Structure formats: C-alpha cells, structure tokens
PDB file of N, CA and C in Angstrom:
ATOM      1  N   MET A   1     101.437 118.427 117.166  1.00  0.00           N
ATOM      2  CA  MET A   1     102.404 117.196 116.703  1.00  0.00           C
ATOM      3  C   MET A   1     102.998 117.901 115.668  1.00  0.00           C
ATOM      4  N   GLN A   2     104.612 117.352 115.760  1.00  0.00           N
ATOM      5  CA  GLN A   2     105.135 118.159 114.259  1.00  0.00           C
ATOM      6  C   GLN A   2     105.416 117.002 113.344  1.00  0.00           C
ATOM      7  N   MET A   3     105.586 117.561 112.156  1.00  0.00           N
ATOM      8  CA  MET A   3     105.351 116.474 111.012  1.00  0.00           C
ATOM      9  C   MET A   3     106.065 115.507 110.532  1.00  0.00           C
ATOM     10  N   LYS A   4     107.220 115.218 111.477  1.00  0.00           N
ATOM     11  CA  LYS A   4     108.065 113.887 111.113  1.00  0.00           C
ATOM     12  C   LYS A   4     107.513 112.806 112.164  1.00  0.00           C
ATOM     13  N   ASP A   5     106.495 113.806 113.131  1.00  0.00           N
ATOM     14  CA  ASP A   5     106.003 112.687 114.155  1.00  0.00           C
ATOM     15  C   ASP A   5     104.788 112.253 113.460  1.00  0.00           C
ATOM     16  N   LYS A   6     104.067 113.254 112.988  1.00  0.00           N
ATOM     17  CA  LYS A   6     102.881 112.557 112.285  1.00  0.00           C
ATOM     18  C   LYS A   6     103.509 111.342 111.178  1.00  0.00           C
ATOM     19  N   ILE A   7     104.155 111.619 110.206  1.00  0.00           N
ATOM     20  CA  ILE A   7     105.025 110.283 109.239  1.00  0.00           C
ATOM     21  C   ILE A   7     105.120 109.507 109.807  1.00  0.00           C
ATOM     22  N   GLU A   8     106.099 109.694 111.145  1.00  0.00           N
ATOM     23  CA  GLU A   8     105.872 108.327 112.015  1.00  0.00           C
ATOM     24  C   GLU A   8     105.128 107.375 112.486  1.00  0.00           C
ATOM     25  N   ALA A   9     104.233 108.156 112.882  1.00  0.00           N
ATOM     26  CA  ALA A   9     102.806 107.787 112.915  1.00  0.00           C
ATOM     27  C   ALA A   9     101.989 106.837 111.993  1.00  0.00           C
ATOM     28  N   LEU A  10     102.355 107.534 110.361  1.00  0.00           N
ATOM     29  CA  LEU A  10     101.674 106.678 109.717  1.00  0.00           C
ATOM     30  C   LEU A  10     102.560 105.957 108.875  1.00  0.00           C
ATOM     31  N   THR A  11     103.693 105.438 109.365  1.00  0.00           N
ATOM     32  CA  THR A  11     104.390 104.810 108.748  1.00  0.00           C
ATOM     33  C   THR A  11     104.151 103.289 109.761  1.00  0.00           C
ATOM     34  N   LYS A  12     104.126 103.938 110.690  1.00  0.00           N
ATOM     35  CA  LYS A  12     103.757 103.018 111.664  1.00  0.00           C
ATOM     36  C   LYS A  12     102.305 102.176 111.636  1.00  0.00           C
ATOM     37  N   MET A  13     101.418 102.736 111.561  1.00  0.00           N
ATOM     38  CA  MET A  13     100.254 102.353 110.785  1.00  0.00           C
ATOM     39  C   MET A  13     100.256 101.363 109.808  1.00  0.00           C
ATOM     40  N   THR A  14     100.764 101.985 108.490  1.00  0.00           N
ATOM     41  CA  THR A  14     101.361 101.183 107.461  1.00  0.00           C
ATOM     42  C   THR A  14     101.782  99.925 107.721  1.00  0.00           C
ATOM     43  N   LEU A  15     102.466  99.866 108.717  1.00  0.00           N
ATOM     44  CA  LEU A  15     103.133  98.320 109.082  1.00  0.00           C
ATOM     45  C   LEU A  15     102.333  97.917 109.497  1.00  0.00           C
ATOM     46  N   ASP A  16     101.430  98.179 110.384  1.00  0.00           N
ATOM     47  CA  ASP A  16     100.583  97.323 111.348  1.00  0.00           C
ATOM     48  C   ASP A  16      99.364  96.601 110.028  1.00  0.00           C
ATOM     49  N   ASP A  17      99.036  97.599 109.353  1.00  0.00           N
ATOM     50  CA  ASP A  17      98.353  96.954 107.916  1.00  0.00           C
ATOM     51  C   ASP A  17      99.162  96.361 107.476  1.00  0.00           C
ATOM     52  N   LEU A  18     100.233  96.222 107.043  1.00  0.00           N
ATOM     53  CA  LEU A  18     101.127  94.903 106.395  1.00  0.00           C
ATOM     54  C   LEU A  18     101.182  93.720 107.254  1.00  0.00           C
ATOM     55  N   VAL A  19     101.166  93.762 108.913  1.00  0.00           N
ATOM     56  CA  VAL A  19     101.309  92.885 109.323  1.00  0.00           C
ATOM     57  C   VAL A  19      99.948  92.132 109.366  1.00  0.00           C
ATOM     58  N   HIS A  20      99.144  92.558 109.258  1.00  0.00           N
ATOM     59  CA  HIS A  20      97.616  91.789 109.212  1.00  0.00           C
ATOM     60  C   HIS A  20      97.322  91.529 107.877  1.00  0.00           C
ATOM     61  N   ASN A  21      97.565  91.723 106.676  1.00  0.00           N
ATOM     62  CA  ASN A  21      97.541  91.745 105.711  1.00  0.00           C
ATOM     63  C   ASN A  21      96.465  92.338 104.953  1.00  0.00           C
ATOM     64  N   ARG A  22      96.445  93.699 105.284  1.00  0.00           N
ATOM     65  CA  ARG A  22      95.125  94.655 104.934  1.00  0.00           C
ATOM     66  C   ARG A  22      95.848  95.074 103.212  1.00  0.00           C
ATOM     67  N   TYR A  23      96.331  94.513 102.383  1.00  0.00           N
ATOM     68  CA  TYR A  23      96.669  95.446 101.225  1.00  0.00           C
ATOM     69  C   TYR A  23      95.534  95.621 100.195  1.00  0.00           C
ATOM     70  N   GLU A  24      94.302  95.465 100.213  1.00  0.00           N
ATOM     71  CA  GLU A  24      93.545  95.953  99.869  1.00  0.00           C
ATOM     72  C   GLU A  24      92.948  97.205 100.711  1.00  0.00           C
ATOM     73  N   LYS A  25      92.995  97.380 101.823  1.00  0.00           N
ATOM     74  CA  LYS A  25      92.870  98.568 102.311  1.00  0.00           C
ATOM     75  C   LYS A  25      94.081  99.861 102.135  1.00  0.00           C
ATOM     76  N   LEU A  26      95.349  99.299 101.696  1.00  0.00           N
ATOM     77  CA  LEU A  26      96.523 100.109 101.539  1.00  0.00           C
ATOM     78  C   LEU A  26      96.135 100.550 100.103  1.00  0.00           C
ATOM     79  N   GLN A  27      95.836  99.694  99.129  1.00  0.00           N
ATOM     80  CA  GLN A  27      95.588 100.164  98.307  1.00  0.00           C
ATOM     81  C   GLN A  27      94.275 101.309  97.630  1.00  0.00           C
ATOM     82  N   GLN A  28      93.252 101.021  98.709  1.00  0.00           N
ATOM     83  CA  GLN A  28      92.344 102.119  98.504  1.00  0.00           C
ATOM     84  C   GLN A  28      92.374 103.593  98.889  1.00  0.00           C
ATOM     85  N   GLU A  29      93.538 103.081 100.070  1.00  0.00           N
ATOM     86  CA  GLU A  29      93.981 104.714 100.541  1.00  0.00           C
ATOM     87  C   GLU A  29      94.708 105.068  99.651  1.00  0.00           C
ATOM     88  N   LYS A  30      95.481 104.328  98.376  1.00  0.00           N
ATOM     89  CA  LYS A  30      96.342 104.984  97.553  1.00  0.00           C
ATOM     90  C   LYS A  30      98.084 104.990  98.235  1.00  0.00           C
ATOM     91  N   ILE A  31      97.666 104.409  99.263  1.00  0.00           N
ATOM     92  CA  ILE A  31      99.440 103.594 100.217  1.00  0.00           C
ATOM     93  C   ILE A  31     100.218 103.085  99.559  1.00  0.00           C
ATOM     94  N   LEU A  32      99.528 102.219  98.724  1.00  0.00           N
ATOM     95  CA  LEU A  32     100.234 100.856  98.195  1.00  0.00           C
ATOM     96  C   LEU A  32      99.841 100.724  96.632  1.00  0.00           C
ATOM     97  N   THR A  33     100.366 100.660  95.439  1.00  0.00           N
ATOM     98  CA  THR A  33      99.915 100.394  94.192  1.00  0.00           C
ATOM     99  C   THR A  33     100.380  98.807  94.203  1.00  0.00           C
ATOM    100  N   GLU A  34      99.498  98.521  93.175  1.00  0.00           N
ATOM    101  CA  GLU A  34      99.119  96.868  92.820  1.00  0.00           C
ATOM    102  C   GLU A  34     100.586  96.289  92.459  1.00  0.00           C
ATOM    103  N   ASP A  35     101.245  96.978  91.735  1.00  0.00           N
ATOM    104  CA  ASP A  35     102.834  96.399  91.745  1.00  0.00           C
ATOM    105  C   ASP A  35     103.668  96.642  92.807  1.00  0.00           C
ATOM    106  N   THR A  36     103.373  97.574  93.482  1.00  0.00           N
ATOM    107  CA  THR A  36     104.246  97.314  94.702  1.00  0.00           C
ATOM    108  C   THR A  36     103.629  95.865  95.661  1.00  0.00           C
ATOM    109  N   ALA A  37     102.347  96.051  95.658  1.00  0.00           N
ATOM    110  CA  ALA A  37     101.440  95.436  96.223  1.00  0.00           C
ATOM    111  C   ALA A  37     102.141  93.768  96.191  1.00  0.00           C
ATOM    112  N   ILE A  38     102.375  93.540  94.428  1.00  0.00           N
ATOM    113  CA  ILE A  38     102.643  92.167  94.320  1.00  0.00           C
ATOM    114  C   ILE A  38     104.363  91.913  94.760  1.00  0.00           C
ATOM    115  N   PHE A  39     104.887  92.988  94.290  1.00  0.00           N
ATOM    116  CA  PHE A  39     106.656  92.720  94.801  1.00  0.00           C
ATOM    117  C   PHE A  39     106.532  92.286  96.531  1.00  0.00           C
ATOM    118  N   LEU A  40     105.898  93.563  96.793  1.00  0.00           N
ATOM    119  CA  LEU A  40     105.829  92.881  99.054  1.00  0.00           C
ATOM    120  C   LEU A  40     105.520  91.815  98.961  1.00  0.00           C
ATOM    121  N   GLN A  41     104.292  91.206  98.483  1.00  0.00           N
ATOM    122  CA  GLN A  41     104.099  89.793  98.920  1.00  0.00           C
ATOM    123  C   GLN A  41     105.030  88.836  98.157  1.00  0.00           C
ATOM    124  N   GLU A  42     105.552  89.078  97.445  1.00  0.00           N
ATOM    125  CA  GLU A  42     106.813  88.243  96.808  1.00  0.00           C
ATOM    126  C   GLU A  42     107.817  88.095  97.666  1.00  0.00           C
ATOM    127  N   VAL A  43     108.363  89.156  97.983  1.00  0.00           N
ATOM    128  CA  VAL A  43     109.391  89.479  99.170  1.00  0.00           C
ATOM    129  C   VAL A  43     109.512  89.049 100.583  1.00  0.00           C
ATOM    130  N   PHE A  44     108.296  89.407 100.715  1.00  0.00           N
ATOM    131  CA  PHE A  44     107.537  88.421 102.338  1.00  0.00           C
ATOM    132  C   PHE A  44     107.393  87.064 102.050  1.00  0.00           C
ATOM    133  N   ALA A  45     106.910  86.859 101.194  1.00  0.00           N
ATOM    134  CA  ALA A  45     106.649  84.904 101.102  1.00  0.00           C
ATOM    135  C   ALA A  45     108.167  84.606 101.618  1.00  0.00           C
ATOM    136  N   LEU A  46     109.072  85.085 100.789  1.00  0.00           N
ATOM    137  CA  LEU A  46     110.490  84.368 100.795  1.00  0.00           C
ATOM    138  C   LEU A  46     110.775  84.572 102.193  1.00  0.00           C
ATOM    139  N   GLN A  47     110.224  85.518 102.878  1.00  0.00           N
ATOM    140  CA  GLN A  47     111.066  86.047 104.259  1.00  0.00           C
ATOM    141  C   GLN A  47     110.067  84.881 105.640  1.00  0.00           C
ATOM    142  N   GLY A  48     109.403  84.735 105.365  1.00  0.00           N
ATOM    143  CA  GLY A  48     107.993  84.293 106.338  1.00  0.00           C
ATOM    144  C   GLY A  48     107.072  85.391 106.684  1.00  0.00           C
ATOM    145  N   ILE A  49     106.318  84.826 107.846  1.00  0.00           N
ATOM    146  CA  ILE A  49     105.083  85.980 108.176  1.00  0.00           C
ATOM    147  C   ILE A  49     105.948  86.872 108.443  1.00  0.00           C
ATOM    148  N   LEU A  50     105.005  88.127 107.973  1.00  0.00           N
ATOM    149  CA  LEU A  50     105.700  89.318 108.614  1.00  0.00           C
ATOM    150  C   LEU A  50     104.952  89.687 110.206  1.00  0.00           C
ATOM    151  N   THR A  51     105.836  89.756 110.853  1.00  0.00           N
ATOM    152  CA  THR A  51     105.594  90.129 112.443  1.00  0.00           C
ATOM    153  C   THR A  51     105.811  91.464 113.217  1.00  0.00           C
ATOM    154  N   TRP A  52     105.173  91.797 114.318  1.00  0.00           N
ATOM    155  CA  TRP A  52     105.598  92.724 114.649  1.00  0.00           C
ATOM    156  C   TRP A  52     107.083  92.173 116.155  1.00  0.00           C
ATOM    157  N   PRO A  53     107.576  93.175 116.003  1.00  0.00           N
ATOM    158  CA  PRO A  53     108.985  92.637 117.133  1.00  0.00           C
ATOM    159  C   PRO A  53     108.545  92.306 118.206  1.00  0.00           C
ATOM    160  N   LEU A  54     109.243  91.535 119.017  1.00  0.00           N
ATOM    161  CA  LEU A  54     108.763  91.169 120.451  1.00  0.00           C
ATOM    162  C   LEU A  54     108.409  92.259 121.344  1.00  0.00           C
ATOM    163  N   ASP A  55     108.813  93.115 121.359  1.00  0.00           N
ATOM    164  CA  ASP A  55     109.126  94.260 121.830  1.00  0.00           C
ATOM    165  C   ASP A  55     108.564  95.615 120.676  1.00  0.00           C
ATOM    166  N   GLU A  56     107.223  95.705 120.803  1.00  0.00           N
ATOM    167  CA  GLU A  56     106.472  97.081 119.756  1.00  0.00           C
ATOM    168  C   GLU A  56     107.405  98.133 119.694  1.00  0.00           C
ATOM    169  N   ALA A  57     107.685  98.606 121.018  1.00  0.00           N
ATOM    170  CA  ALA A  57     108.170  99.997 121.049  1.00  0.00           C
ATOM    171  C   ALA A  57     110.004  99.988 120.574  1.00  0.00           C
ATOM    172  N   SER A  58     110.113  98.585 119.821  1.00  0.00           N
ATOM    173  CA  SER A  58     111.710  98.797 119.551  1.00  0.00           C
ATOM    174  C   SER A  58     111.823  99.150 117.741  1.00  0.00           C
ATOM    175  N   VAL A  59     110.353  99.384 117.660  1.00  0.00           N
ATOM    176  CA  VAL A  59     110.110  99.496 115.796  1.00  0.00           C
ATOM    177  C   VAL A  59     111.394 100.374 115.717  1.00  0.00           C
ATOM    178  N   ALA A  60     111.987 100.737 114.932  1.00  0.00           N
ATOM    179  CA  ALA A  60     112.814 101.528 114.511  1.00  0.00           C
ATOM    180  C   ALA A  60     112.659 102.419 113.389  1.00  0.00           C
ATOM    181  N   ILE A  61     112.091 103.552 113.518  1.00  0.00           N
ATOM    182  CA  ILE A  61     111.554 104.605 112.417  1.00  0.00           C
ATOM    183  C   ILE A  61     111.806 105.745 112.189  1.00  0.00           C
ATOM    184  N   ASP A  62     113.121 105.903 110.681  1.00  0.00           N
ATOM    185  CA  ASP A  62     113.727 106.803 110.441  1.00  0.00           C
ATOM    186  C   ASP A  62     112.794 107.874 109.631  1.00  0.00           C
ATOM    187  N   VAL A  63     112.615 109.080 109.718  1.00  0.00           N
ATOM    188  CA  VAL A  63     111.946 109.932 108.998  1.00  0.00           C
ATOM    189  C   VAL A  63     113.429 111.035 108.353  1.00  0.00           C
ATOM    190  N   TYR A  64     113.447 111.087 107.004  1.00  0.00           N
ATOM    191  CA  TYR A  64     114.413 112.363 106.680  1.00  0.00           C
ATOM    192  C   TYR A  64     113.780 112.869 105.685  1.00  0.00           C
ATOM    193  N   GLU A  65     113.819 114.089 105.455  1.00  0.00           N
ATOM    194  CA  GLU A  65     113.111 115.210 105.062  1.00  0.00           C
ATOM    195  C   GLU A  65     114.387 115.524 104.056  1.00  0.00           C
ATOM    196  N   MET A  66     114.112 115.092 102.496  1.00  0.00           N
ATOM    197  CA  MET A  66     114.535 115.171 101.184  1.00  0.00           C
ATOM    198  C   MET A  66     115.140 116.783 101.264  1.00  0.00           C
ATOM    199  N   ASN A  67     116.373 116.849 100.710  1.00  0.00           N
ATOM    200  CA  ASN A  67     117.283 118.163 100.457  1.00  0.00           C
ATOM    201  C   ASN A  67     116.448 118.990  99.973  1.00  0.00           C
ATOM    202  N   ASP A  68     115.546 118.997  98.819  1.00  0.00           N
ATOM    203  CA  ASP A  68     115.371 119.670  98.229  1.00  0.00           C
ATOM    204  C   ASP A  68     113.569 120.522  98.440  1.00  0.00           C
ATOM    205  N   GLN A  69     113.324 119.451 100.340  1.00  0.00           N
ATOM    206  CA  GLN A  69     112.230 119.975 100.539  1.00  0.00           C
ATOM    207  C   GLN A  69     110.744 119.375  99.886  1.00  0.00           C
ATOM    208  N   SER A  70     110.884 118.548  98.435  1.00  0.00           N
ATOM    209  CA  SER A  70     109.974 117.954  97.901  1.00  0.00           C
ATOM    210  C   SER A  70     109.260 117.009  99.077  1.00  0.00           C
ATOM    211  N   CYS A  71     109.877 116.118  99.894  1.00  0.00           N
ATOM    212  CA  CYS A  71     109.072 115.122 100.546  1.00  0.00           C
ATOM    213  C   CYS A  71     109.694 114.422 101.389  1.00  0.00           C
ATOM    214  N   PHE A  72     109.124 113.551 102.095  1.00  0.00           N
ATOM    215  CA  PHE A  72     109.835 112.737 103.373  1.00  0.00           C
ATOM    216  C   PHE A  72     109.986 111.457 102.972  1.00  0.00           C
ATOM    217  N   THR A  73     111.063 111.073 103.376  1.00  0.00           N
ATOM    218  CA  THR A  73     111.582 109.438 103.229  1.00  0.00           C
ATOM    219  C   THR A  73     111.430 108.641 104.955  1.00  0.00           C
ATOM    220  N   THR A  74     110.958 107.571 104.887  1.00  0.00           N
ATOM    221  CA  THR A  74     110.714 106.914 106.084  1.00  0.00           C
ATOM    222  C   THR A  74     111.518 105.145 105.723  1.00  0.00           C
ATOM    223  N   GLU A  75     112.093 105.090 107.332  1.00  0.00           N
ATOM    224  CA  GLU A  75     113.045 103.715 106.542  1.00  0.00           C
ATOM    225  C   GLU A  75     112.548 102.965 108.220  1.00  0.00           C
ATOM    226  N   ILE A  76     112.065 101.491 108.184  1.00  0.00           N
ATOM    227  CA  ILE A  76     111.598 100.785 109.379  1.00  0.00           C
ATOM    228  C   ILE A  76     112.849  99.725 109.409  1.00  0.00           C
ATOM    229  N   ARG A  77     113.826 100.099 109.932  1.00  0.00           N
ATOM    230  CA  ARG A  77     114.723  99.017 110.116  1.00  0.00           C
ATOM    231  C   ARG A  77     114.853  98.193 111.575  1.00  0.00           C
ATOM    232  N   TYR A  78     114.320  97.261 111.549  1.00  0.00           N
ATOM    233  CA  TYR A  78     114.397  96.073 110.136  1.00  0.00           C
ATOM    234  C   TYR A  78     112.823  95.531 110.511  1.00  0.00           C
ATOM    235  N   LEU A  79     112.106  94.841 109.192  1.00  0.00           N
ATOM    236  CA  LEU A  79     111.062  94.328 109.640  1.00  0.00           C
ATOM    237  C   LEU A  79     111.143  92.767 109.883  1.00  0.00           C
ATOM    238  N   TRP A  80     110.284  92.080 111.011  1.00  0.00           N
ATOM    239  CA  TRP A  80     110.757  90.779 111.681  1.00  0.00           C
ATOM    240  C   TRP A  80     109.606  89.914 110.826  1.00  0.00           C
ATOM    241  N   PHE A  81     110.352  88.801 110.493  1.00  0.00           N
ATOM    242  CA  PHE A  81     109.371  87.540 109.696  1.00  0.00           C
ATOM    243  C   PHE A  81     109.655  86.499 110.785  1.00  0.00           C
ATOM    244  N   ASP A  82     108.166  86.168 110.820  1.00  0.00           N
ATOM    245  CA  ASP A  82     108.502  84.791 112.056  1.00  0.00           C
ATOM    246  C   ASP A  82     109.182  84.725 113.589  1.00  0.00           C
ATOM    247  N   ASP A  83     108.678  86.373 113.809  1.00  0.00           N
ATOM    248  CA  ASP A  83     109.111  86.837 115.161  1.00  0.00           C
ATOM    249  C   ASP A  83     110.847  86.798 115.501  1.00  0.00           C
ATOM    250  N   GLU A  84     111.229  86.910 114.426  1.00  0.00           N
ATOM    251  CA  GLU A  84     112.796  87.589 114.340  1.00  0.00           C
ATOM    252  C   GLU A  84     113.058  88.267 113.516  1.00  0.00           C
ATOM    253  N   GLU A  85     113.987  89.346 113.937  1.00  0.00           N
ATOM    254  CA  GLU A  85     114.461  90.072 113.183  1.00  0.00           C
ATOM    255  C   GLU A  85     114.897  89.828 111.606  1.00  0.00           C
ATOM    256  N   SER A  86     114.689  90.389 110.796  1.00  0.00           N
ATOM    257  CA  SER A  86     115.407  89.894 109.092  1.00  0.00           C
ATOM    258  C   SER A  86     116.216  91.509 109.052  1.00  0.00           C
ATOM    259  N   ALA A  87     116.795  91.345 107.510  1.00  0.00           N
ATOM    260  CA  ALA A  87     118.066  92.763 107.152  1.00  0.00           C
ATOM    261  C   ALA A  87     117.035  93.397 106.051  1.00  0.00           C
ATOM    262  N   VAL A  88     115.780  93.170 105.938  1.00  0.00           N
ATOM    263  CA  VAL A  88     114.473  93.536 105.159  1.00  0.00           C
ATOM    264  C   VAL A  88     113.985  95.037 105.679  1.00  0.00           C
ATOM    265  N   VAL A  89     114.407  96.299 105.105  1.00  0.00           N
ATOM    266  CA  VAL A  89     113.989  97.324 105.292  1.00  0.00           C
ATOM    267  C   VAL A  89     112.992  97.776 104.557  1.00  0.00           C
ATOM    268  N   LEU A  90     112.091  98.234 105.122  1.00  0.00           N
ATOM    269  CA  LEU A  90     110.625  99.163 104.307  1.00  0.00           C
ATOM    270  C   LEU A  90     110.858 100.808 104.512  1.00  0.00           C
ATOM    271  N   PHE A  91     110.501 101.141 103.029  1.00  0.00           N
ATOM    272  CA  PHE A  91     110.995 102.602 102.492  1.00  0.00           C
ATOM    273  C   PHE A  91     109.515 102.910 102.668  1.00  0.00           C
ATOM    274  N   CYS A  92     109.179 104.394 103.174  1.00  0.00           N
ATOM    275  CA  CYS A  92     107.627 104.946 102.265  1.00  0.00           C
ATOM    276  C   CYS A  92     107.978 106.166 101.843  1.00  0.00           C
ATOM    277  N   LYS A  93     107.466 107.059 101.385  1.00  0.00           N
ATOM    278  CA  LYS A  93     107.155 108.437 101.262  1.00  0.00           C
ATOM    279  C   LYS A  93     106.211 109.509 101.469  1.00  0.00           C
ATOM    280  N   ALA A  94     106.365 110.648 102.572  1.00  0.00           N
ATOM    281  CA  ALA A  94     105.284 111.178 102.393  1.00  0.00           C
ATOM    282  C   ALA A  94     105.242 112.623 102.006  1.00  0.00           C
ATOM    283  N   TYR A  95     104.601 113.142 101.339  1.00  0.00           N
ATOM    284  CA  TYR A  95     104.769 114.523 100.375  1.00  0.00           C
ATOM    285  C   TYR A  95     103.558 115.495 101.407  1.00  0.00           C
ATOM    286  N   THR A  96     104.040 116.663 101.319  1.00  0.00           N
ATOM    287  CA  THR A  96     103.225 117.543 102.645  1.00  0.00           C
ATOM    288  C   THR A  96     102.880 118.759 101.506  1.00  0.00           C
ATOM    289  N   ASN A  97     102.331 120.002 102.241  1.00  0.00           N
ATOM    290  CA  ASN A  97     102.084 121.254 101.756  1.00  0.00           C
ATOM    291  C   ASN A  97     103.046 121.618 101.479  1.00  0.00           C
ATOM    292  N   ALA A  98     103.119 122.757 100.906  1.00  0.00           N
ATOM    293  CA  ALA A  98     104.235 124.066 101.146  1.00  0.00           C
ATOM    294  C   ALA A  98     105.054 124.252 102.347  1.00  0.00           C
ATOM    295  N   ASP A  99     103.475 124.394 103.490  1.00  0.00           N
ATOM    296  CA  ASP A  99     104.558 124.991 104.710  1.00  0.00           C
ATOM    297  C   ASP A  99     104.229 123.733 105.520  1.00  0.00           C
ATOM    298  N   GLN A 100     103.939 122.184 105.219  1.00  0.00           N
ATOM    299  CA  GLN A 100     104.145 121.531 105.795  1.00  0.00           C
ATOM    300  C   GLN A 100     103.625 121.049 107.197  1.00  0.00           C
ATOM    301  N   THR A 101     102.519 121.764 107.084  1.00  0.00           N
ATOM    302  CA  THR A 101     101.396 121.683 107.857  1.00  0.00           C
ATOM    303  C   THR A 101     100.308 120.372 107.707  1.00  0.00           C
ATOM    304  N   GLU A 102     100.548 119.719 106.369  1.00  0.00           N
ATOM    305  CA  GLU A 102      99.732 118.606 106.178  1.00  0.00           C
ATOM    306  C   GLU A 102     100.129 117.794 105.361  1.00  0.00           C
ATOM    307  N   ILE A 103      99.940 116.512 105.528  1.00  0.00           N
ATOM    308  CA  ILE A 103     100.360 115.760 104.283  1.00  0.00           C
ATOM    309  C   ILE A 103      99.084 115.268 103.338  1.00  0.00           C
ATOM    310  N   THR A 104     100.095 115.527 102.005  1.00  0.00           N
ATOM    311  CA  THR A 104      99.150 115.507 101.107  1.00  0.00           C
ATOM    312  C   THR A 104      99.228 113.952  99.904  1.00  0.00           C
ATOM    313  N   ALA A 105     100.561 113.369 100.616  1.00  0.00           N
ATOM    314  CA  ALA A 105     100.209 112.000  99.745  1.00  0.00           C
ATOM    315  C   ALA A 105     101.370 111.073 100.761  1.00  0.00           C
ATOM    316  N   PHE A 106     100.568 109.981 100.953  1.00  0.00           N
ATOM    317  CA  PHE A 106     101.840 108.745 101.557  1.00  0.00           C
ATOM    318  C   PHE A 106     101.543 107.702 101.050  1.00  0.00           C
ATOM    319  N   MET A 107     102.871 107.413 100.543  1.00  0.00           N
ATOM    320  CA  MET A 107     103.206 105.695 100.241  1.00  0.00           C
ATOM    321  C   MET A 107     104.103 105.223 100.365  1.00  0.00           C
ATOM    322  N   ILE A 108     104.074 103.538  99.848  1.00  0.00           N
ATOM    323  CA  ILE A 108     105.005 102.756 100.343  1.00  0.00           C
ATOM    324  C   ILE A 108     105.820 102.790  99.002  1.00  0.00           C
ATOM    325  N   ASP A 109     107.305 102.988  99.309  1.00  0.00           N
ATOM    326  CA  ASP A 109     108.208 103.197  97.959  1.00  0.00           C
ATOM    327  C   ASP A 109     108.176 102.017  97.782  1.00  0.00           C
ATOM    328  N   THR A 110     109.465 100.934  98.270  1.00  0.00           N
ATOM    329  CA  THR A 110     110.277  99.916  98.104  1.00  0.00           C
ATOM    330  C   THR A 110     110.431  98.695  99.781  1.00  0.00           C
ATOM    331  N   VAL A 111     110.855  97.878  99.322  1.00  0.00           N
ATOM    332  CA  VAL A 111     111.968  96.853 100.183  1.00  0.00           C
ATOM    333  C   VAL A 111     112.958  96.643  99.942  1.00  0.00           C
ATOM    334  N   ASP A 112     114.062  96.587 101.030  1.00  0.00           N
ATOM    335  CA  ASP A 112     115.046  96.628 100.375  1.00  0.00           C
ATOM    336  C   ASP A 112     115.707  95.872 101.306  1.00  0.00           C
ATOM    337  N   ALA A 113     117.302  94.827 100.860  1.00  0.00           N
ATOM    338  CA  ALA A 113     118.274  94.151 102.464  1.00  0.00           C
ATOM    339  C   ALA A 113     119.386  94.592 101.918  1.00  0.00           C
TER     340      ALA A 113
END
C-alpha cells in the first residue's frame, strides 16, 4: 500500500471516530489535542450532527505532500451534518519517517469553511 493510501485510510478512520463522537479515543491516540477537540465540538454544534454522506464512497479525501517533504496534509471536502453536505472541510497532518515507509505521527489540524 502506498503512503498516500495509508494516510487516506487513517483519515477516513479518524472521520469515523468523529462521526461516532470518539473524542476521548482520538485524544488518547494523540490524533486530537484537547484544544482542537473543544474547537471541533463548538464548530460541529453550530452545524448539526456530524454524519457520513448518504453514499460513503463519495467521501472525497485529498492527500498533499508538503514541498519540503516534512509531512502530508489531508482534506476531507466536505463534511456532512444532519445528512446534508456542508461547506466545512477537515484538515489533518501526517508525518512519516525519512524514507516514507511509516507514519510516525498523525493528527487533526483544524476545520474550515
């Protein structure tokens, strides 16, 4: 499996944890900081209940490698709330070892609209 595929899969699992309100699990795995958890919960509360799209296969996850090859950034366009697509985008970061064979850290960065 290519590194971008691994990162995409991890991003999708993270979204699943968010949809199912597993904030504590994400914090224990260091994917989510306490401050980011509070921010996400505030943003999500304004939008409604975070849900999967009606067609789960339509989840669009883009993976970008930073120019300096220090990390990858992922974007999920767009999050769904109350079974409707929103303008909210989830951003995550993934760090790898030097030869990009292993993910060394993965975290939720922020959301934006």
